[in-house]
Amino acid sequence: MNDTVSIIPLGGVGDVTKNMYLYEYKDEILIVDCGLGFADETMLGVDLLLPDISYLLKTKKKIIGMLLTHGHEDHIGALPFVLPQLPQNFPIFGTPLTAAFANEKLKEFGTKDRVKIVKFEDGENQLGNFKFSFIRVTHSVPDTSHIFIRTPIGNFYHGSDFKLDPTPYDGKISDLAKIEELSKQGVLCLMSDCLGAEKKGRTGTEQGLIINFENEIKNCGGKFIVTTYSSNIARLNQIIEASEKVGRKVAFVGRSLVKAVEIAKSLNYLRLKPGTEIRIDQIKNFKDRDLTLVIAGSQGQENSAMTRMSNGEHREVKLSSQDVVVFSADPIPGNEISVYELVDTLTKKDVRVLYSSNSSGFHVSGHGAQDELTDLIKMVKPKKLLPIGGTPRHAYAYKNLSLDLGFKTQDILRPDDGQEIIFDGNSAKFGRIISLKNVYVDELSGGEMESYVLRDRQKLSEGGIVIILAQVSSSDGQLVDNPDIIIRGFTVPDNKKLNSRIITDLRNALGKNRKRVTNWQYIKKYVGEVAEKRISKDLRHQPLVLPVVIEV
């Protein structure tokens, strides 16, 4: 039997987040990335999603190492949750800023530094039968890399998040020469970022944003407030430069942002003139028109500094109608509702808000559009293509892009998470399906967790709670048995009658669409909505309804 290499995505091919990929050769496993997912509004009490590592806990194969492509949460954020569960002690490698971000995250959770630094100028490294080289590419966080992986049966190009910006703010362009040089050895499969596959042309350059920041900050009569990703060091440098030109002081607000700034300063990636930066508790000593505030929470996270400020709950930062708030980040797919609710809250306070829908001058995507994706394919010249880091619609757009370049349908691999792809020297085929489940966690964060608990207790004391525990068949989406309905915190005149009506409504509602379930979050939300509607109609009451759906 010929040697083979298997790739198993544990996350990242059916969604933008939870990026984690296994490369297997014989009894060895090489892991690339270990990222978080983010809860949406339907996931009550949940902060984060993790990749399901049950397979890694059961397998008898040896984990020989882990490689990290860059420092975004959806690529490194699960490290402190996942590493303590894995019994094997294996080396982890990342570029300088990636390693610093990852080690800081591990330290925060009481885990010692484990990520070793790999420099772009380093030669080829080896872990077991896998050899690998890191290649610099441009993205929205410095030190982002692609990874060229050599195996005994062929070469793989792991092309995670990237764009090909010819004029990045830090001047460090993608190493196209290295991409072409390594790819001359032959590439069996290109795993490519596909998030920008629906967009024609090229993604705009970072360099063009600085003039927009300068113009807006000059015309701002109050505080100039910007929210962006904590890891977007180039954007932070642009905000700092524009602020220094008009003599504004800069304060960083939010725990994650302050930590990212400290790490970037320690590596000389962030440029601040002496006297520019002030602490948040010092802003009261300056007039609003002399302040720039960079605030964490661009995705509308519930307890972020940005959300607390917009709700008037931040101790040091109070809004005025002279302030300008700039969202220098697009909503991550799935976060749109949270972001636009935050924008609505700000505009109700008569604050001028600039965001992706009304101004394109303060953010450019970190992901390449069609021309850049095409350029990478042409440089790498792979036999097979596997779109990653996007939703199914992005993968579909990437497939059409690839067909236009002459690839055949069978050469464009579009697996689901958990689907093994087996490669020999010439071909690829689907293998096992690793059963994966969603892993939900609360992000424990010291005192902030207490406020969540108090808020939940207040909500429960006012309206009570109804828990709907329903078993639903995966084959046709129907109730397997009558659901258990638990009511706490309020009185129901006729409990049996209400339960009967809820069950009848659920059977009728689910019965309208008898087909295999592919979206369990939708089923869960639908069950909750049906129950809420019946309770509101019969009782004129609005408790917290918590649907728990069990797949059968």
Protein backbone atom coordinates (compact mmCIF):
# COMPACT_ATOMS: atom_id res chain seq x y z
CA MET A 1 0.00 0.00 0.00
CA ASN A 2 1.29 3.47 -0.90
CA ASP A 3 2.17 5.96 1.81
CA THR A 4 -0.53 8.56 2.41
CA VAL A 5 -0.99 11.84 4.27
CA SER A 6 -4.36 12.72 5.72
CA ILE A 7 -5.67 16.20 6.45
CA ILE A 8 -8.49 16.46 8.99
CA PRO A 9 -9.98 19.92 9.65
CA LEU A 10 -11.35 20.13 13.20
CA GLY A 11 -12.57 23.66 12.39
CA GLY A 12 -12.15 26.32 9.76
CA VAL A 13 -13.72 24.83 6.61
CA GLY A 14 -17.39 25.24 7.48
CA ASP A 15 -16.91 28.51 9.33
CA VAL A 16 -14.54 31.45 9.47
CA THR A 17 -13.35 30.62 13.00
CA LYS A 18 -12.15 27.67 15.15
CA ASN A 19 -9.26 27.07 12.75
CA MET A 20 -7.51 23.80 13.56
CA TYR A 21 -6.06 21.32 11.05
CA LEU A 22 -4.43 17.93 11.53
CA TYR A 23 -1.81 16.57 9.12
CA GLU A 24 -1.31 12.83 9.65
CA TYR A 25 1.45 10.59 8.33
CA LYS A 26 1.62 7.02 9.65
CA ASP A 27 1.54 7.36 13.46
CA GLU A 28 2.41 11.10 13.51
CA ILE A 29 0.12 14.12 13.77
CA LEU A 30 1.18 17.70 13.00
CA ILE A 31 -1.33 20.36 14.10
CA VAL A 32 -1.69 23.74 12.40
CA ASP A 33 -3.47 26.43 14.45
CA CYS A 34 -5.72 26.18 17.51
CA GLY A 35 -8.42 28.83 17.27
CA LEU A 36 -11.57 29.99 19.02
CA GLY A 37 -15.05 30.55 17.70
CA PHE A 38 -17.41 33.21 19.00
CA ALA A 39 -20.92 32.72 20.33
CA ASP A 40 -23.85 34.35 18.58
CA GLU A 41 -26.99 35.81 20.08
CA THR A 42 -28.73 32.41 20.17
CA MET A 43 -26.14 30.86 22.52
CA LEU A 44 -27.36 32.02 25.90
CA GLY A 45 -24.71 31.97 28.61
CA VAL A 46 -21.96 31.03 26.14
CA ASP A 47 -18.93 33.21 25.44
CA LEU A 48 -16.67 31.06 23.29
CA LEU A 49 -16.64 27.99 21.07
CA LEU A 50 -13.74 25.55 20.95
CA PRO A 51 -12.68 22.97 18.37
CA ASP A 52 -13.69 19.47 19.43
CA ILE A 53 -10.45 17.61 20.22
CA SER A 54 -12.09 14.31 21.22
CA TYR A 55 -10.29 12.57 18.34
CA LEU A 56 -6.90 13.77 19.58
CA LEU A 57 -7.70 12.47 23.08
CA LYS A 58 -8.63 9.01 21.76
CA THR A 59 -6.06 8.44 19.05
CA LYS A 60 -2.94 6.42 19.74
CA LYS A 61 -0.98 8.48 17.22
CA LYS A 62 1.73 10.82 18.44
CA ILE A 63 1.32 14.61 18.23
CA ILE A 64 4.76 15.68 17.06
CA GLY A 65 4.12 19.44 17.11
CA MET A 66 1.93 22.44 16.40
CA LEU A 67 2.48 25.37 14.02
CA LEU A 68 0.70 28.72 14.41
CA THR A 69 0.07 30.85 11.32
CA HIS A 70 -0.66 34.20 13.04
CA GLY A 71 -1.86 35.89 16.21
CA HIS A 72 -5.63 36.20 15.73
CA GLU A 73 -7.99 34.64 18.27
CA ASP A 74 -9.59 32.35 15.71
CA HIS A 75 -6.14 30.80 15.17
CA ILE A 76 -4.51 30.84 18.64
CA GLY A 77 -7.31 31.62 21.10
CA ALA A 78 -8.13 28.02 22.07
CA LEU A 79 -4.57 27.23 23.21
CA PRO A 80 -5.15 27.73 26.97
CA PHE A 81 -8.28 25.55 26.83
CA VAL A 82 -6.91 22.80 24.58
CA LEU A 83 -3.28 22.33 25.67
CA PRO A 84 -4.04 21.30 29.29
CA GLN A 85 -6.26 18.51 27.95
CA LEU A 86 -3.63 17.01 25.67
CA PRO A 87 -1.42 14.58 27.60
CA GLN A 88 1.48 14.78 25.19
CA ASN A 89 4.10 17.50 25.56
CA PHE A 90 5.00 18.63 22.05
CA PRO A 91 6.80 21.67 20.60
CA ILE A 92 4.79 24.66 19.29
CA PHE A 93 6.19 27.19 16.83
CA GLY A 94 5.11 30.69 15.79
CA THR A 95 6.64 33.86 14.40
CA PRO A 96 7.79 36.49 16.96
CA LEU A 97 4.54 38.45 17.48
CA THR A 98 2.42 35.29 17.15
CA ALA A 99 4.50 33.54 19.81
CA ALA A 100 4.33 36.58 22.10
CA PHE A 101 0.52 36.83 21.82
CA ALA A 102 0.13 33.08 22.35
CA ASN A 103 2.45 32.92 25.36
CA GLU A 104 0.72 35.92 26.96
CA LYS A 105 -2.60 34.12 26.57
CA LEU A 106 -1.16 30.97 28.15
CA LYS A 107 0.30 33.00 31.02
CA GLU A 108 -3.10 34.58 31.63
CA PHE A 109 -4.52 31.11 32.22
CA GLY A 110 -1.66 29.96 34.43
CA THR A 111 0.11 27.91 31.76
CA LYS A 112 3.83 28.39 31.19
CA ASP A 113 5.27 29.68 27.90
CA ARG A 114 5.24 26.92 25.32
CA VAL A 115 5.42 28.65 21.96
CA LYS A 116 8.90 28.85 20.46
CA ILE A 117 9.87 31.62 18.04
CA VAL A 118 10.48 30.88 14.38
CA LYS A 119 11.92 33.71 12.27
CA PHE A 120 11.07 34.11 8.61
CA GLU A 121 14.73 34.05 7.67
CA ASP A 122 15.20 30.68 9.39
CA GLY A 123 15.68 27.74 7.07
CA GLU A 124 13.61 24.59 6.99
CA ASN A 125 12.67 23.03 10.32
CA GLN A 126 11.65 19.44 11.01
CA LEU A 127 9.19 17.65 13.28
CA GLY A 128 9.18 13.89 12.80
CA ASN A 129 8.63 13.17 9.12
CA PHE A 130 7.30 16.68 8.47
CA LYS A 131 9.55 19.52 7.32
CA PHE A 132 8.23 23.08 7.32
CA SER A 133 9.12 26.63 6.32
CA PHE A 134 7.38 29.84 7.40
CA ILE A 135 6.68 32.42 4.65
CA ARG A 136 5.82 36.06 5.39
CA VAL A 137 2.48 37.31 4.02
CA THR A 138 0.52 40.50 4.69
CA HIS A 139 -2.64 40.43 6.81
CA SER A 140 -4.22 42.59 9.51
CA VAL A 141 -1.73 41.47 12.15
CA PRO A 142 2.09 41.60 11.75
CA ASP A 143 4.16 38.44 11.41
CA THR A 144 1.42 36.52 9.61
CA SER A 145 2.76 33.47 7.82
CA HIS A 146 1.94 30.81 5.31
CA ILE A 147 3.57 27.44 5.90
CA PHE A 148 5.19 25.20 3.31
CA ILE A 149 4.98 21.62 4.62
CA ARG A 150 7.11 18.87 3.08
CA THR A 151 6.05 15.26 3.69
CA PRO A 152 7.36 11.92 2.38
CA ILE A 153 4.49 11.75 -0.15
CA GLY A 154 4.42 15.35 -1.36
CA ASN A 155 4.32 19.02 -0.42
CA PHE A 156 1.45 21.01 1.04
CA TYR A 157 1.04 24.78 1.07
CA HIS A 158 -0.97 25.97 4.10
CA GLY A 159 -2.15 29.39 2.96
CA SER A 160 -4.16 30.71 5.90
CA ASP A 161 -5.48 34.31 6.18
CA PHE A 162 -3.65 36.69 3.85
CA LYS A 163 -3.76 39.45 1.29
CA LEU A 164 -1.01 40.58 -1.07
CA ASP A 165 -0.71 44.23 -0.05
CA PRO A 166 2.07 45.93 -2.09
CA THR A 167 2.32 48.85 0.37
CA PRO A 168 1.62 47.60 3.92
CA TYR A 169 1.99 50.23 6.63
CA ASP A 170 5.02 48.50 8.19
CA GLY A 171 6.71 48.09 4.79
CA LYS A 172 7.00 44.29 5.19
CA ILE A 173 5.49 42.91 1.99
CA SER A 174 4.57 39.29 1.28
CA ASP A 175 7.59 37.21 0.32
CA LEU A 176 6.46 36.30 -3.20
CA ALA A 177 9.91 35.13 -4.20
CA LYS A 178 9.97 32.55 -1.40
CA ILE A 179 6.47 31.36 -2.31
CA GLU A 180 7.55 30.76 -5.91
CA GLU A 181 10.92 29.26 -4.96
CA LEU A 182 9.45 26.68 -2.57
CA SER A 183 6.54 25.89 -4.85
CA LYS A 184 8.94 24.87 -7.62
CA GLN A 185 9.42 21.67 -5.60
CA GLY A 186 5.84 20.77 -6.51
CA VAL A 187 2.70 21.19 -4.38
CA LEU A 188 0.15 18.44 -3.96
CA CYS A 189 -2.47 20.68 -2.32
CA LEU A 190 -2.91 24.39 -1.67
CA MET A 191 -5.06 25.15 1.36
CA SER A 192 -6.08 28.74 0.75
CA ASP A 193 -7.92 31.47 2.63
CA CYS A 194 -11.21 31.95 0.74
CA LEU A 195 -12.97 34.67 2.76
CA GLY A 196 -12.55 37.26 -0.01
CA ALA A 197 -13.51 34.95 -2.87
CA GLU A 198 -16.78 36.78 -3.58
CA LYS A 199 -15.07 40.16 -4.04
CA LYS A 200 -13.69 41.15 -7.43
CA GLY A 201 -10.34 42.83 -7.91
CA ARG A 202 -7.87 43.37 -5.08
CA THR A 203 -8.25 44.34 -1.43
CA GLY A 204 -7.29 47.94 -0.74
CA THR A 205 -3.92 48.78 0.74
CA GLU A 206 -3.39 49.76 4.36
CA GLN A 207 -1.31 52.76 3.32
CA GLY A 208 -4.33 54.60 1.94
CA LEU A 209 -6.09 54.85 5.32
CA ILE A 210 -3.73 57.27 7.07
CA ILE A 211 -4.96 60.38 5.21
CA ASN A 212 -8.57 59.57 6.17
CA PHE A 213 -7.65 59.34 9.84
CA GLU A 214 -5.76 62.64 9.62
CA ASN A 215 -8.66 64.48 7.96
CA GLU A 216 -11.31 63.18 10.35
CA ILE A 217 -9.26 63.79 13.47
CA LYS A 218 -8.60 67.43 12.44
CA ASN A 219 -12.34 68.07 12.13
CA CYS A 220 -13.30 66.37 15.39
CA GLY A 221 -14.28 68.86 18.12
CA GLY A 222 -14.48 66.27 20.87
CA LYS A 223 -12.86 62.96 21.69
CA PHE A 224 -11.70 60.97 18.67
CA ILE A 225 -12.59 57.39 19.52
CA VAL A 226 -11.51 54.39 17.44
CA THR A 227 -12.35 50.75 18.00
CA THR A 228 -10.44 48.05 16.14
CA TYR A 229 -8.96 44.61 16.68
CA SER A 230 -6.40 44.61 19.48
CA SER A 231 -3.97 42.74 17.24
CA ASN A 232 -4.14 45.22 14.33
CA ILE A 233 -0.82 46.84 15.12
CA ALA A 234 -0.56 48.64 11.76
CA ARG A 235 -3.92 50.31 12.40
CA LEU A 236 -2.83 51.34 15.89
CA ASN A 237 0.30 52.90 14.42
CA GLN A 238 -1.79 54.85 11.91
CA ILE A 239 -4.07 56.19 14.65
CA ILE A 240 -1.05 57.16 16.74
CA GLU A 241 0.65 58.94 13.81
CA ALA A 242 -2.49 60.92 12.93
CA SER A 243 -2.98 61.89 16.59
CA GLU A 244 0.62 63.01 17.04
CA LYS A 245 0.37 65.27 13.97
CA VAL A 246 -2.40 67.32 15.64
CA GLY A 247 -1.02 67.07 19.17
CA ARG A 248 -3.57 64.70 20.67
CA LYS A 249 -2.78 62.38 23.56
CA VAL A 250 -3.58 58.69 23.03
CA ALA A 251 -5.08 56.37 25.63
CA PHE A 252 -5.71 52.64 25.14
CA VAL A 253 -8.85 51.31 26.79
CA GLY A 254 -9.68 47.66 27.42
CA ARG A 255 -7.68 44.82 28.91
CA SER A 256 -7.02 42.92 25.68
CA LEU A 257 -5.95 46.07 23.87
CA VAL A 258 -3.60 47.24 26.64
CA LYS A 259 -1.89 43.83 26.66
CA ALA A 260 -1.50 43.80 22.88
CA VAL A 261 0.01 47.29 22.99
CA GLU A 262 2.53 46.28 25.67
CA ILE A 263 3.60 43.23 23.66
CA ALA A 264 3.91 45.25 20.43
CA LYS A 265 5.99 47.92 22.22
CA SER A 266 8.31 45.28 23.70
CA LEU A 267 9.05 44.00 20.17
CA ASN A 268 9.37 47.55 18.75
CA TYR A 269 6.36 46.98 16.48
CA LEU A 270 4.47 49.98 17.89
CA ARG A 271 5.78 53.51 17.48
CA LEU A 272 4.93 56.10 20.13
CA LYS A 273 6.74 59.39 20.68
CA PRO A 274 7.58 60.16 24.31
CA GLY A 275 4.61 61.81 26.00
CA THR A 276 1.99 60.67 23.47
CA GLU A 277 0.49 57.85 25.51
CA ILE A 278 -1.48 58.51 28.69
CA ARG A 279 -3.28 56.16 31.05
CA ILE A 280 -7.05 55.99 31.00
CA ASP A 281 -7.26 57.52 34.50
CA GLN A 282 -5.39 60.60 33.17
CA ILE A 283 -7.90 61.62 30.49
CA LYS A 284 -9.78 63.81 32.98
CA ASN A 285 -6.73 66.11 32.97
CA PHE A 286 -7.17 66.97 29.26
CA LYS A 287 -9.80 68.64 27.11
CA ASP A 288 -11.84 66.31 24.91
CA ARG A 289 -10.46 67.85 21.70
CA ASP A 290 -6.94 66.88 22.83
CA LEU A 291 -7.75 63.17 23.23
CA THR A 292 -7.72 60.09 21.04
CA LEU A 293 -9.09 56.95 22.67
CA VAL A 294 -8.49 53.53 21.17
CA ILE A 295 -11.05 51.18 22.69
CA ALA A 296 -11.42 47.39 22.59
CA GLY A 297 -14.73 45.85 21.56
CA SER A 298 -15.16 46.40 17.81
CA GLN A 299 -17.35 43.28 17.55
CA GLY A 300 -19.90 44.44 20.12
CA GLN A 301 -18.72 41.99 22.78
CA GLU A 302 -21.11 42.14 25.71
CA ASN A 303 -18.75 43.29 28.45
CA SER A 304 -16.11 45.02 26.35
CA ALA A 305 -14.94 48.56 27.11
CA MET A 306 -16.69 49.77 23.95
CA THR A 307 -20.07 48.35 24.97
CA ARG A 308 -19.78 49.68 28.53
CA MET A 309 -18.87 53.12 27.21
CA SER A 310 -21.84 53.19 24.80
CA ASN A 311 -24.20 52.23 27.62
CA GLY A 312 -22.82 54.94 29.93
CA GLU A 313 -21.36 52.33 32.29
CA HIS A 314 -17.65 53.07 31.79
CA ARG A 315 -16.12 54.76 34.82
CA GLU A 316 -13.63 57.02 33.00
CA VAL A 317 -15.09 57.52 29.51
CA LYS A 318 -18.31 59.53 29.06
CA LEU A 319 -19.62 60.39 25.59
CA SER A 320 -20.59 63.82 24.29
CA SER A 321 -22.24 64.93 21.04
CA GLN A 322 -18.91 66.41 19.88
CA ASP A 323 -17.23 63.00 19.92
CA VAL A 324 -16.59 60.90 16.83
CA VAL A 325 -16.54 57.10 17.01
CA VAL A 326 -14.83 55.15 14.21
CA PHE A 327 -15.25 51.41 13.73
CA SER A 328 -11.98 50.47 12.05
CA ALA A 329 -13.02 46.83 11.59
CA ASP A 330 -15.72 44.97 9.70
CA PRO A 331 -18.13 42.73 11.63
CA ILE A 332 -16.95 39.13 11.72
CA PRO A 333 -19.61 36.99 9.96
CA GLY A 334 -22.15 36.17 12.66
CA ASN A 335 -21.43 39.31 14.71
CA GLU A 336 -23.42 41.75 12.57
CA ILE A 337 -26.36 42.03 14.97
CA SER A 338 -24.14 42.79 17.97
CA VAL A 339 -22.13 45.40 16.05
CA TYR A 340 -25.13 47.24 14.63
CA GLU A 341 -26.88 47.24 18.01
CA LEU A 342 -23.77 48.95 19.37
CA VAL A 343 -23.87 51.50 16.52
CA ASP A 344 -27.55 52.16 17.24
CA THR A 345 -26.81 52.74 20.92
CA LEU A 346 -24.12 55.29 20.04
CA THR A 347 -26.22 57.17 17.50
CA LYS A 348 -29.08 57.47 20.02
CA LYS A 349 -26.64 59.55 22.06
CA ASP A 350 -26.24 61.89 19.07
CA VAL A 351 -22.67 60.73 18.48
CA ARG A 352 -21.23 60.73 14.95
CA VAL A 353 -20.38 57.11 14.11
CA LEU A 354 -18.35 55.97 11.10
CA TYR A 355 -18.57 52.26 10.31
CA SER A 356 -18.41 49.90 7.34
CA SER A 357 -21.91 50.63 6.02
CA ASN A 358 -21.54 54.43 5.87
CA SER A 359 -17.80 54.90 5.37
CA SER A 360 -15.19 52.74 3.65
CA GLY A 361 -12.24 54.97 4.47
CA PHE A 362 -11.17 53.60 7.85
CA HIS A 363 -10.80 49.89 7.32
CA VAL A 364 -9.59 47.52 4.65
CA SER A 365 -9.98 43.79 4.91
CA GLY A 366 -7.06 41.59 5.88
CA HIS A 367 -8.20 39.01 3.33
CA GLY A 368 -7.32 38.96 -0.34
CA ALA A 369 -9.99 39.39 -3.00
CA GLN A 370 -10.27 37.36 -6.21
CA ASP A 371 -7.15 38.69 -7.95
CA GLU A 372 -4.94 37.95 -4.94
CA LEU A 373 -6.39 34.46 -4.51
CA THR A 374 -5.73 33.88 -8.20
CA ASP A 375 -2.16 35.17 -7.86
CA LEU A 376 -1.44 32.68 -5.06
CA ILE A 377 -2.84 29.77 -7.08
CA LYS A 378 -0.67 30.75 -10.05
CA MET A 379 2.46 31.02 -7.89
CA VAL A 380 1.92 27.76 -6.02
CA LYS A 381 0.66 25.72 -9.02
CA PRO A 382 -0.93 22.97 -6.90
CA LYS A 383 -2.53 19.75 -8.10
CA LYS A 384 -5.42 20.13 -5.66
CA LEU A 385 -7.14 23.07 -3.95
CA LEU A 386 -8.81 23.18 -0.55
CA PRO A 387 -10.51 26.49 0.46
CA ILE A 388 -10.28 27.22 4.20
CA GLY A 389 -11.18 29.99 6.64
CA GLY A 390 -14.57 30.79 5.12
CA THR A 391 -18.22 29.80 5.09
CA PRO A 392 -19.69 27.43 2.46
CA ARG A 393 -20.63 30.39 0.26
CA HIS A 394 -17.03 31.62 0.27
CA ALA A 395 -15.79 28.11 -0.58
CA TYR A 396 -18.33 27.96 -3.42
CA ALA A 397 -17.08 31.27 -4.82
CA TYR A 398 -13.50 29.99 -4.54
CA LYS A 399 -14.49 26.86 -6.47
CA ASN A 400 -15.89 28.96 -9.34
CA LEU A 401 -12.76 31.10 -9.33
CA SER A 402 -10.63 27.94 -9.60
CA LEU A 403 -12.77 26.49 -12.41
CA ASP A 404 -12.11 29.66 -14.41
CA LEU A 405 -8.38 28.97 -14.01
CA GLY A 406 -8.75 25.54 -15.58
CA PHE A 407 -9.03 23.31 -12.51
CA LYS A 408 -11.48 20.42 -12.66
CA THR A 409 -14.30 20.05 -10.15
CA GLN A 410 -12.74 16.89 -8.67
CA ASP A 411 -9.53 18.82 -7.94
CA ILE A 412 -11.30 21.39 -5.74
CA LEU A 413 -11.89 19.80 -2.33
CA ARG A 414 -14.74 21.15 -0.20
CA PRO A 415 -14.98 18.98 2.93
CA ASP A 416 -16.99 19.57 6.08
CA ASP A 417 -15.23 19.91 9.43
CA GLY A 418 -14.25 16.42 10.57
CA GLN A 419 -13.97 15.04 7.03
CA GLU A 420 -10.65 13.30 6.40
CA ILE A 421 -8.96 13.86 3.04
CA ILE A 422 -6.41 11.20 2.10
CA PHE A 423 -3.57 12.13 -0.26
CA ASP A 424 -1.11 9.89 -2.02
CA GLY A 425 1.48 11.24 -4.44
CA ASN A 426 -1.03 11.90 -7.21
CA SER A 427 -4.61 11.85 -5.99
CA ALA A 428 -6.91 12.74 -3.12
CA LYS A 429 -10.05 11.08 -1.79
CA PHE A 430 -12.37 11.51 1.18
CA GLY A 431 -11.84 9.08 4.05
CA ARG A 432 -13.29 8.83 7.54
CA ILE A 433 -15.74 11.28 9.01
CA ILE A 434 -14.67 12.29 12.50
CA SER A 435 -17.78 13.10 14.50
CA LEU A 436 -17.47 16.62 15.94
CA LYS A 437 -19.65 18.45 18.41
CA ASN A 438 -19.81 22.09 19.40
CA VAL A 439 -17.85 22.76 22.59
CA TYR A 440 -19.22 25.76 24.47
CA VAL A 441 -17.33 27.51 27.25
CA ASP A 442 -17.60 30.57 29.46
CA GLU A 443 -14.61 32.89 29.24
CA LEU A 444 -13.69 33.24 32.90
CA SER A 445 -12.34 36.74 33.41
CA GLY A 446 -12.06 37.55 37.08
CA GLY A 447 -14.45 40.20 38.39
CA GLU A 448 -16.19 40.60 35.04
CA MET A 449 -17.74 37.17 35.48
CA GLU A 450 -19.51 38.38 38.60
CA SER A 451 -21.35 41.08 36.68
CA TYR A 452 -22.64 38.45 34.24
CA VAL A 453 -23.93 36.37 37.13
CA LEU A 454 -25.64 39.34 38.77
CA ARG A 455 -27.23 40.40 35.49
CA ASP A 456 -28.57 36.89 34.88
CA ARG A 457 -29.94 36.68 38.40
CA GLN A 458 -31.73 40.00 37.91
CA LYS A 459 -33.27 38.82 34.64
CA LEU A 460 -34.38 35.53 36.18
CA SER A 461 -35.87 37.25 39.26
CA GLU A 462 -37.96 39.52 37.04
CA GLY A 463 -39.32 37.00 34.56
CA GLY A 464 -38.41 33.48 35.64
CA ILE A 465 -37.17 30.78 33.27
CA VAL A 466 -38.63 28.07 31.08
CA ILE A 467 -36.34 25.23 30.00
CA ILE A 468 -37.46 23.18 26.98
CA LEU A 469 -35.54 19.90 26.83
CA ALA A 470 -36.35 18.42 23.40
CA GLN A 471 -35.03 15.36 21.57
CA VAL A 472 -35.10 15.97 17.81
CA SER A 473 -34.43 13.38 15.10
CA SER A 474 -31.53 14.34 12.84
CA SER A 475 -33.08 12.46 9.92
CA ASP A 476 -36.34 14.42 9.67
CA GLY A 477 -36.22 17.25 12.26
CA GLN A 478 -39.20 15.94 14.25
CA LEU A 479 -39.66 15.52 18.01
CA VAL A 480 -38.70 12.03 19.09
CA ASP A 481 -40.84 12.23 22.24
CA ASN A 482 -42.72 14.85 24.19
CA PRO A 483 -40.17 17.39 25.45
CA ASP A 484 -39.62 18.00 29.14
CA ILE A 485 -40.74 21.51 30.13
CA ILE A 486 -39.38 22.98 33.36
CA ILE A 487 -40.84 26.25 34.68
CA ARG A 488 -39.21 28.18 37.51
CA GLY A 489 -39.64 31.66 38.97
CA PHE A 490 -43.30 32.35 38.16
CA THR A 491 -46.71 30.77 38.68
CA VAL A 492 -48.76 29.10 35.91
CA PRO A 493 -52.52 28.70 36.59
CA ASP A 494 -52.76 25.45 34.61
CA ASN A 495 -49.32 23.94 34.12
CA LYS A 496 -50.53 20.79 32.33
CA LYS A 497 -52.60 22.76 29.82
CA LEU A 498 -49.72 25.12 28.98
CA ASN A 499 -47.27 22.23 28.54
CA SER A 500 -49.73 20.45 26.23
CA ARG A 501 -50.16 23.55 24.07
CA ILE A 502 -46.38 24.14 23.82
CA ILE A 503 -45.85 20.52 22.75
CA THR A 504 -48.65 20.76 20.16
CA ASP A 505 -47.19 23.99 18.78
CA LEU A 506 -43.72 22.44 18.54
CA ARG A 507 -44.99 19.35 16.72
CA ASN A 508 -46.99 21.49 14.28
CA ALA A 509 -44.13 23.91 13.67
CA LEU A 510 -41.45 21.24 13.16
CA GLY A 511 -43.85 19.15 11.10
CA LYS A 512 -43.97 21.77 8.35
CA ASN A 513 -40.44 21.01 7.22
CA ARG A 514 -39.59 17.32 7.34
CA LYS A 515 -36.03 16.95 6.16
CA ARG A 516 -32.57 16.12 7.47
CA VAL A 517 -31.27 18.66 9.98
CA THR A 518 -28.15 20.53 8.84
CA ASN A 519 -28.44 23.64 11.04
CA TRP A 520 -28.92 22.72 14.69
CA GLN A 521 -28.58 26.32 15.85
CA TYR A 522 -31.63 27.20 13.75
CA ILE A 523 -33.64 24.29 15.26
CA LYS A 524 -32.64 25.36 18.77
CA LYS A 525 -33.66 28.98 18.10
CA TYR A 526 -36.90 27.87 16.42
CA VAL A 527 -37.92 25.71 19.41
CA GLY A 528 -37.32 28.68 21.72
CA GLU A 529 -39.32 31.07 19.53
CA VAL A 530 -42.33 28.72 19.32
CA ALA A 531 -42.38 28.26 23.10
CA GLU A 532 -41.98 32.02 23.73
CA LYS A 533 -44.90 32.79 21.42
CA ARG A 534 -47.24 30.35 23.20
CA ILE A 535 -46.25 31.55 26.70
CA SER A 536 -46.70 35.19 25.70
CA LYS A 537 -50.11 34.49 24.12
CA ASP A 538 -51.51 32.42 27.02
CA LEU A 539 -49.92 34.17 30.00
CA ARG A 540 -48.93 37.66 28.77
CA HIS A 541 -45.57 36.90 30.36
CA GLN A 542 -42.02 36.93 28.99
CA PRO A 543 -39.66 34.67 30.95
CA LEU A 544 -36.21 33.64 29.81
CA VAL A 545 -36.80 30.63 27.52
CA LEU A 546 -33.83 28.29 27.31
CA PRO A 547 -34.19 25.61 24.61
CA VAL A 548 -31.95 22.56 24.97
CA VAL A 549 -32.06 20.43 21.82
CA ILE A 550 -30.58 16.94 21.84
CA GLU A 551 -29.70 15.40 18.48
CA VAL A 552 -31.02 11.84 18.16
